[in-house]
């Protein structure tokens, strides 16, 4: 069997299984088996496949026809021009999440611009790194994309799932960014809030011991201790209501991790808890001479912009909604006012 015949059979199989973009999918899977680029398929359609290649290709096509996402079959997904390793059990990066990176970068540059030429320079803030926390990092795509664009920033990536953190660390190493992002296990922002005294002022970064602690803190790295100043919290939280599960494509519903997809409370419970935690963390250190008003950047689900905005309540300013390429509200950015008092109800937060 040659390349042309293999592709024809695969396209027919995937089309019959109602796989979206059957032709493109068949090509991607064959390229993965052959280790070639797309130009090869069109330039050498008569190239014969070895028996092992035929077997591997049929297996991949069969799994894709059964609904398994292409990214889990090839083990790769491009995001922000970077190649990420993906595997079952960890959420696959989405193109629309690149808008989160765009907004976060705009916020980061806004913070940097505001620092230059102000009284903060006399206080020693100019020249300090931006301090960014990515909540629910998954493959690490947001944190590592930001690290690739902001080489001077200190970035922490949090996830509750050890498997996701392990994969994110692999991606950091593969992309040459392992020394730029620090991966910690945490349920949302609990790792900071559980240890932080409520009246703590923001403190400078401090160097850690050369050995990681029980939470997996990277040896010899700098990271914001509880109560430290944090400039930006960014997240793509789960926002699909469990009641909407049947409406999702089978590739998503049956194969991607439910914890990364679904949130109770009509899809808002996790976002609500994250906003409350972010408000407390960003408000820590009010009155510090070097404290800036911190920012929160969140990805939004379909038709959620108004409801998420209403969750912010008092104490936020510069609230902006950014649409995606389809014109749907996709990203919310908001700045926490340090002069505002925010009361955090830990019982309601279910931390």
Protein backbone atom coordinates (compact mmCIF):
# COMPACT_ATOMS: atom_id res chain seq x y z
CA UNK A 1 0.00 0.00 0.00
CA UNK A 2 1.35 3.41 -0.95
CA UNK A 3 0.79 6.85 0.59
CA UNK A 4 -2.06 7.72 -1.79
CA UNK A 5 -4.03 4.54 -1.07
CA UNK A 6 -3.45 4.75 2.68
CA UNK A 7 -4.73 8.31 2.78
CA UNK A 8 -7.79 7.46 0.69
CA UNK A 9 -8.80 4.59 2.98
CA UNK A 10 -8.19 6.69 6.11
CA UNK A 11 -10.28 9.59 4.83
CA UNK A 12 -13.15 7.25 4.02
CA UNK A 13 -12.96 5.69 7.48
CA UNK A 14 -12.81 9.01 9.31
CA UNK A 15 -15.57 10.54 7.19
CA UNK A 16 -17.85 7.59 7.93
CA UNK A 17 -17.14 8.09 11.65
CA UNK A 18 -18.09 11.79 11.34
CA UNK A 19 -14.67 12.99 12.41
CA UNK A 20 -14.33 16.73 11.74
CA UNK A 21 -11.78 17.73 9.09
CA UNK A 22 -11.30 14.12 8.06
CA UNK A 23 -8.79 14.86 5.30
CA UNK A 24 -6.56 17.02 7.48
CA UNK A 25 -6.76 14.50 10.31
CA UNK A 26 -5.80 11.63 8.01
CA UNK A 27 -2.80 13.61 6.78
CA UNK A 28 -1.65 14.59 10.28
CA UNK A 29 -1.79 11.00 11.50
CA UNK A 30 0.11 9.70 8.47
CA UNK A 31 2.75 12.40 8.84
CA UNK A 32 3.14 11.32 12.46
CA UNK A 33 3.70 7.71 11.41
CA UNK A 34 6.12 8.59 8.62
CA UNK A 35 7.96 11.36 10.44
CA UNK A 36 7.64 13.56 7.35
CA UNK A 37 6.22 16.98 6.48
CA UNK A 38 3.07 17.64 4.47
CA UNK A 39 4.98 18.46 1.29
CA UNK A 40 6.20 14.87 1.21
CA UNK A 41 2.65 13.51 0.95
CA UNK A 42 1.95 15.51 -2.20
CA UNK A 43 5.38 15.12 -3.75
CA UNK A 44 5.66 11.35 -3.24
CA UNK A 45 2.17 9.81 -3.17
CA UNK A 46 3.53 6.58 -4.68
CA UNK A 47 5.87 5.90 -1.73
CA UNK A 48 5.06 2.46 -0.26
CA UNK A 49 4.38 2.05 3.45
CA UNK A 50 6.15 -0.71 5.31
CA UNK A 51 4.01 -3.31 7.07
CA UNK A 52 4.84 -1.71 10.43
CA UNK A 53 3.82 1.72 9.14
CA UNK A 54 0.57 0.35 7.74
CA UNK A 55 -0.25 -1.29 11.07
CA UNK A 56 0.58 1.84 13.08
CA UNK A 57 -1.46 4.03 10.75
CA UNK A 58 -4.51 1.77 10.83
CA UNK A 59 -4.35 1.73 14.62
CA UNK A 60 -4.24 5.52 14.85
CA UNK A 61 -7.08 5.95 12.37
CA UNK A 62 -9.16 3.42 14.28
CA UNK A 63 -8.62 5.24 17.58
CA UNK A 64 -9.43 8.59 15.99
CA UNK A 65 -12.59 7.15 14.45
CA UNK A 66 -13.58 6.04 17.95
CA UNK A 67 -13.28 9.64 19.14
CA UNK A 68 -9.84 9.90 20.68
CA UNK A 69 -8.43 13.39 20.00
CA UNK A 70 -5.73 13.68 17.38
CA UNK A 71 -3.47 15.47 19.87
CA UNK A 72 -3.54 12.51 22.23
CA UNK A 73 -2.60 10.23 19.32
CA UNK A 74 0.32 12.32 18.09
CA UNK A 75 1.33 13.56 21.55
CA UNK A 76 1.71 17.14 20.33
CA UNK A 77 -0.15 20.41 20.08
CA UNK A 78 1.07 23.79 18.88
CA UNK A 79 0.31 26.79 21.04
CA UNK A 80 1.69 30.32 20.66
CA UNK A 81 4.12 29.03 18.04
CA UNK A 82 5.54 26.52 20.52
CA UNK A 83 5.25 22.74 20.36
CA UNK A 84 3.74 21.22 23.49
CA UNK A 85 3.71 17.62 24.58
CA UNK A 86 0.21 16.40 25.38
CA UNK A 87 -1.10 13.14 26.77
CA UNK A 88 -4.40 11.69 27.98
CA UNK A 89 -5.48 13.00 31.35
CA UNK A 90 -4.24 16.55 30.75
CA UNK A 91 -6.30 19.25 29.06
CA UNK A 92 -5.33 19.98 25.44
CA UNK A 93 -4.35 23.63 24.77
CA UNK A 94 -6.90 25.51 22.68
CA UNK A 95 -6.24 28.20 20.06
CA UNK A 96 -8.69 30.56 21.78
CA UNK A 97 -6.57 30.47 24.93
CA UNK A 98 -3.89 32.34 22.99
CA UNK A 99 -6.11 35.39 23.56
CA UNK A 100 -5.44 34.97 27.28
CA UNK A 101 -1.71 35.19 26.56
CA UNK A 102 -2.25 38.27 24.39
CA UNK A 103 -4.19 40.07 27.12
CA UNK A 104 -1.74 39.00 29.83
CA UNK A 105 1.17 40.34 27.77
CA UNK A 106 -0.64 43.64 27.27
CA UNK A 107 -1.22 43.89 31.02
CA UNK A 108 2.40 43.00 31.76
CA UNK A 109 3.66 45.71 29.42
CA UNK A 110 1.21 48.17 30.94
CA UNK A 111 2.57 47.43 34.40
CA UNK A 112 6.15 47.83 33.20
CA UNK A 113 5.33 51.12 31.46
CA UNK A 114 3.63 52.51 34.55
CA UNK A 115 6.68 51.78 36.65
CA UNK A 116 9.09 53.68 34.48
CA UNK A 117 9.58 57.31 35.38
CA UNK A 118 7.44 57.23 38.53
CA UNK A 119 8.14 57.52 42.21
CA UNK A 120 8.48 53.74 42.29
CA UNK A 121 11.92 54.11 40.76
CA UNK A 122 13.10 55.82 43.92
CA UNK A 123 11.62 52.96 45.94
CA UNK A 124 13.63 50.44 43.95
CA UNK A 125 10.77 48.81 42.10
CA UNK A 126 12.00 49.55 38.58
CA UNK A 127 14.21 46.68 37.57
CA UNK A 128 12.42 44.11 39.71
CA UNK A 129 10.89 41.24 37.74
CA UNK A 130 7.22 40.97 37.04
CA UNK A 131 5.64 38.37 39.30
CA UNK A 132 3.03 36.24 37.54
CA UNK A 133 0.97 33.27 38.76
CA UNK A 134 -0.76 30.91 36.29
CA UNK A 135 -3.58 28.99 37.99
CA UNK A 136 -4.54 25.57 36.60
CA UNK A 137 -1.56 25.37 34.27
CA UNK A 138 -2.29 21.98 32.67
CA UNK A 139 0.39 21.47 30.01
CA UNK A 140 1.96 24.75 31.11
CA UNK A 141 0.95 26.44 27.86
CA UNK A 142 0.01 29.87 29.28
CA UNK A 143 2.92 30.08 31.71
CA UNK A 144 5.48 28.94 29.16
CA UNK A 145 4.13 31.18 26.42
CA UNK A 146 4.45 34.13 28.80
CA UNK A 147 7.93 33.01 29.80
CA UNK A 148 8.97 32.94 26.15
CA UNK A 149 7.83 36.56 25.74
CA UNK A 150 8.84 37.95 29.15
CA UNK A 151 12.36 36.67 29.83
CA UNK A 152 12.78 38.88 32.90
CA UNK A 153 9.56 37.79 34.63
CA UNK A 154 9.29 35.38 37.53
CA UNK A 155 6.43 32.98 36.82
CA UNK A 156 4.75 30.38 39.01
CA UNK A 157 2.43 27.75 37.51
CA UNK A 158 -0.06 26.01 39.80
CA UNK A 159 -2.13 22.89 39.28
CA UNK A 160 -3.89 20.49 41.62
CA UNK A 161 -3.07 17.48 39.40
CA UNK A 162 0.42 15.93 39.80
CA UNK A 163 0.20 14.40 36.31
CA UNK A 164 -0.41 17.81 34.76
CA UNK A 165 2.51 19.31 36.68
CA UNK A 166 4.80 16.50 35.54
CA UNK A 167 3.85 17.10 31.92
CA UNK A 168 4.21 20.87 32.31
CA UNK A 169 7.73 20.38 33.67
CA UNK A 170 8.54 18.19 30.66
CA UNK A 171 7.33 20.95 28.36
CA UNK A 172 9.37 23.54 30.22
CA UNK A 173 12.50 21.42 29.80
CA UNK A 174 11.79 20.69 26.12
CA UNK A 175 11.30 24.40 25.42
CA UNK A 176 14.41 25.45 27.33
CA UNK A 177 12.34 27.33 29.92
CA UNK A 178 12.79 25.08 32.95
CA UNK A 179 14.65 27.76 34.88
CA UNK A 180 12.01 30.39 34.11
CA UNK A 181 8.81 28.83 35.44
CA UNK A 182 8.31 27.26 38.86
CA UNK A 183 5.65 24.55 39.09
CA UNK A 184 3.78 23.97 42.36
CA UNK A 185 0.87 21.75 43.35
CA UNK A 186 -2.08 23.73 44.65
CA UNK A 187 -5.86 23.85 44.59
CA UNK A 188 -6.24 27.22 42.89
CA UNK A 189 -4.31 29.77 45.03
CA UNK A 190 -4.45 27.85 48.31
CA UNK A 191 -0.69 27.38 48.48
CA UNK A 192 -0.37 31.12 49.06
CA UNK A 193 -3.47 31.83 51.09
CA UNK A 194 -3.21 28.97 53.57
CA UNK A 195 0.23 30.10 54.71
CA UNK A 196 -0.21 33.85 54.38
CA UNK A 197 -1.10 35.90 57.44
CA UNK A 198 -4.07 38.12 56.58
CA UNK A 199 -2.19 41.26 57.57
CA UNK A 200 1.04 40.34 55.81
CA UNK A 201 2.73 43.04 53.80
CA UNK A 202 4.26 42.22 50.46
CA UNK A 203 7.85 41.20 50.80
CA UNK A 204 10.62 40.89 48.22
CA UNK A 205 11.36 37.60 46.57
CA UNK A 206 13.75 35.45 48.53
CA UNK A 207 16.17 32.75 47.44
CA UNK A 208 15.20 29.24 48.45
CA UNK A 209 17.40 26.45 49.71
CA UNK A 210 19.04 24.28 47.03
CA UNK A 211 16.69 21.38 47.77
CA UNK A 212 12.97 21.36 46.85
CA UNK A 213 10.52 21.12 49.71
CA UNK A 214 7.56 18.77 50.03
CA UNK A 215 5.48 20.93 47.72
CA UNK A 216 7.95 20.54 44.85
CA UNK A 217 9.46 24.01 44.92
CA UNK A 218 12.23 24.15 42.36
CA UNK A 219 15.65 24.20 43.96
CA UNK A 220 17.53 27.45 44.02
CA UNK A 221 14.66 29.38 42.45
CA UNK A 222 13.04 32.65 43.38
CA UNK A 223 9.32 32.76 43.86
CA UNK A 224 6.82 34.93 45.73
CA UNK A 225 6.52 33.82 49.32
CA UNK A 226 3.04 34.11 50.88
CA UNK A 227 2.34 37.81 51.25
CA UNK A 228 4.76 38.80 48.49
CA UNK A 229 3.76 41.29 45.85
CA UNK A 230 2.20 39.61 42.81
CA UNK A 231 1.56 41.65 39.70
CA UNK A 232 -0.65 39.34 37.67
CA UNK A 233 -2.77 36.24 38.17
CA UNK A 234 -3.83 34.50 34.96
CA UNK A 235 -6.02 31.43 34.45
CA UNK A 236 -8.10 29.36 32.07
CA UNK A 237 -10.38 27.79 34.70
CA UNK A 238 -12.97 25.05 34.05
CA UNK A 239 -16.20 26.80 33.05
CA UNK A 240 -18.51 24.25 31.44
CA UNK A 241 -21.66 23.42 33.38
CA UNK A 242 -22.06 19.67 33.99
CA UNK A 243 -25.58 20.03 32.60
CA UNK A 244 -24.05 20.91 29.23
CA UNK A 245 -21.86 17.79 28.98
CA UNK A 246 -24.08 16.15 26.38
CA UNK A 247 -23.62 19.15 24.07
CA UNK A 248 -19.84 18.80 23.93
CA UNK A 249 -18.10 16.97 21.08
CA UNK A 250 -17.34 13.37 22.02
CA UNK A 251 -13.62 14.06 21.65
CA UNK A 252 -13.91 16.49 24.55
CA UNK A 253 -16.65 14.88 26.64
CA UNK A 254 -15.32 11.33 26.60
CA UNK A 255 -11.56 11.83 26.53
CA UNK A 256 -10.45 15.04 28.24
CA UNK A 257 -10.20 15.32 32.05
CA UNK A 258 -13.55 16.35 33.59
CA UNK A 259 -11.85 18.40 36.31
CA UNK A 260 -10.37 20.67 33.63
CA UNK A 261 -13.72 21.05 31.86
CA UNK A 262 -16.60 21.15 34.31
CA UNK A 263 -17.49 23.47 37.14
CA UNK A 264 -20.63 23.38 39.31
CA UNK A 265 -22.88 26.38 39.68
CA UNK A 266 -23.71 26.66 35.99
CA UNK A 267 -19.99 26.66 35.21
CA UNK A 268 -19.19 29.54 37.58
CA UNK A 269 -18.22 27.93 40.90
CA UNK A 270 -14.50 27.56 40.23
CA UNK A 271 -14.26 31.02 38.68
CA UNK A 272 -16.10 32.53 41.64
CA UNK A 273 -13.72 30.91 44.11
CA UNK A 274 -10.70 31.96 42.07
CA UNK A 275 -11.86 35.58 41.91
CA UNK A 276 -12.34 35.66 45.69
CA UNK A 277 -8.90 34.18 46.30
CA UNK A 278 -7.26 36.48 43.78
CA UNK A 279 -8.88 39.49 45.41
CA UNK A 280 -7.44 38.53 48.77
CA UNK A 281 -4.00 37.74 47.42
CA UNK A 282 -3.71 40.82 45.23
CA UNK A 283 -4.95 43.01 48.09
CA UNK A 284 -2.31 41.65 50.49
CA UNK A 285 0.20 44.27 51.48
CA UNK A 286 -1.97 47.35 51.18
CA UNK A 287 0.08 50.32 52.22
CA UNK A 288 3.40 48.84 51.12
CA UNK A 289 5.55 51.59 49.56
CA UNK A 290 6.41 49.35 46.59
CA UNK A 291 3.03 47.72 46.05
CA UNK A 292 1.24 47.98 42.72
CA UNK A 293 -2.40 47.26 42.08
CA UNK A 294 -2.40 43.65 40.85
CA UNK A 295 -4.27 42.29 37.85
CA UNK A 296 -6.42 39.25 37.13
CA UNK A 297 -6.83 37.81 33.62
CA UNK A 298 -9.38 35.03 33.04
CA UNK A 299 -10.63 33.04 30.08
CA UNK A 300 -14.41 33.14 29.75
CA UNK A 301 -16.84 30.51 28.62
CA UNK A 302 -19.55 31.10 26.05
CA UNK A 303 -22.11 33.69 27.18
CA UNK A 304 -20.40 34.15 30.58
CA UNK A 305 -18.90 37.63 30.36
CA UNK A 306 -21.71 39.47 32.11
CA UNK A 307 -22.02 36.88 34.87
CA UNK A 308 -18.29 36.71 35.54
CA UNK A 309 -18.04 40.48 35.58
CA UNK A 310 -20.79 40.60 38.19
CA UNK A 311 -18.77 38.18 40.36
CA UNK A 312 -16.00 40.75 40.71
CA UNK A 313 -18.10 42.92 43.00
CA UNK A 314 -16.52 45.98 44.57
CA UNK A 315 -12.83 46.75 44.62
CA UNK A 316 -11.94 46.17 40.97
CA UNK A 317 -11.24 48.69 38.24
CA UNK A 318 -10.10 48.83 34.60
CA UNK A 319 -12.37 45.90 33.77
CA UNK A 320 -11.97 44.96 30.12
CA UNK A 321 -13.51 42.19 27.99
CA UNK A 322 -11.61 40.99 24.91
CA UNK A 323 -13.40 39.01 22.15
CA UNK A 324 -11.96 36.07 20.28
CA UNK A 325 -11.72 35.79 16.49
CA UNK A 326 -15.39 34.83 16.29
CA UNK A 327 -16.36 37.96 18.19
CA UNK A 328 -17.32 36.07 21.35
CA UNK A 329 -16.29 37.59 24.72
CA UNK A 330 -13.28 35.43 25.60
CA UNK A 331 -10.99 37.13 28.14
CA UNK A 332 -11.66 39.31 31.18
CA UNK A 333 -8.98 41.53 32.66
CA UNK A 334 -9.45 43.49 35.87
CA UNK A 335 -7.24 45.41 38.26
CA UNK A 336 -7.57 45.06 42.02
CA UNK A 337 -7.81 48.31 43.90
CA UNK A 338 -5.51 48.22 46.90
CA UNK A 339 -7.49 50.92 48.62
CA UNK A 340 -10.62 48.76 48.60
CA UNK A 341 -11.41 46.44 51.48
CA UNK A 342 -12.30 42.95 50.30
CA UNK A 343 -13.79 40.51 52.81
CA UNK A 344 -13.04 36.90 51.91
CA UNK A 345 -15.45 34.29 53.25
CA UNK A 346 -13.39 31.11 53.57
CA UNK A 347 -16.41 29.03 54.47
CA UNK A 348 -18.21 29.95 51.26
CA UNK A 349 -15.06 29.47 49.22
CA UNK A 350 -14.87 25.78 50.13
CA UNK A 351 -11.10 25.94 50.11
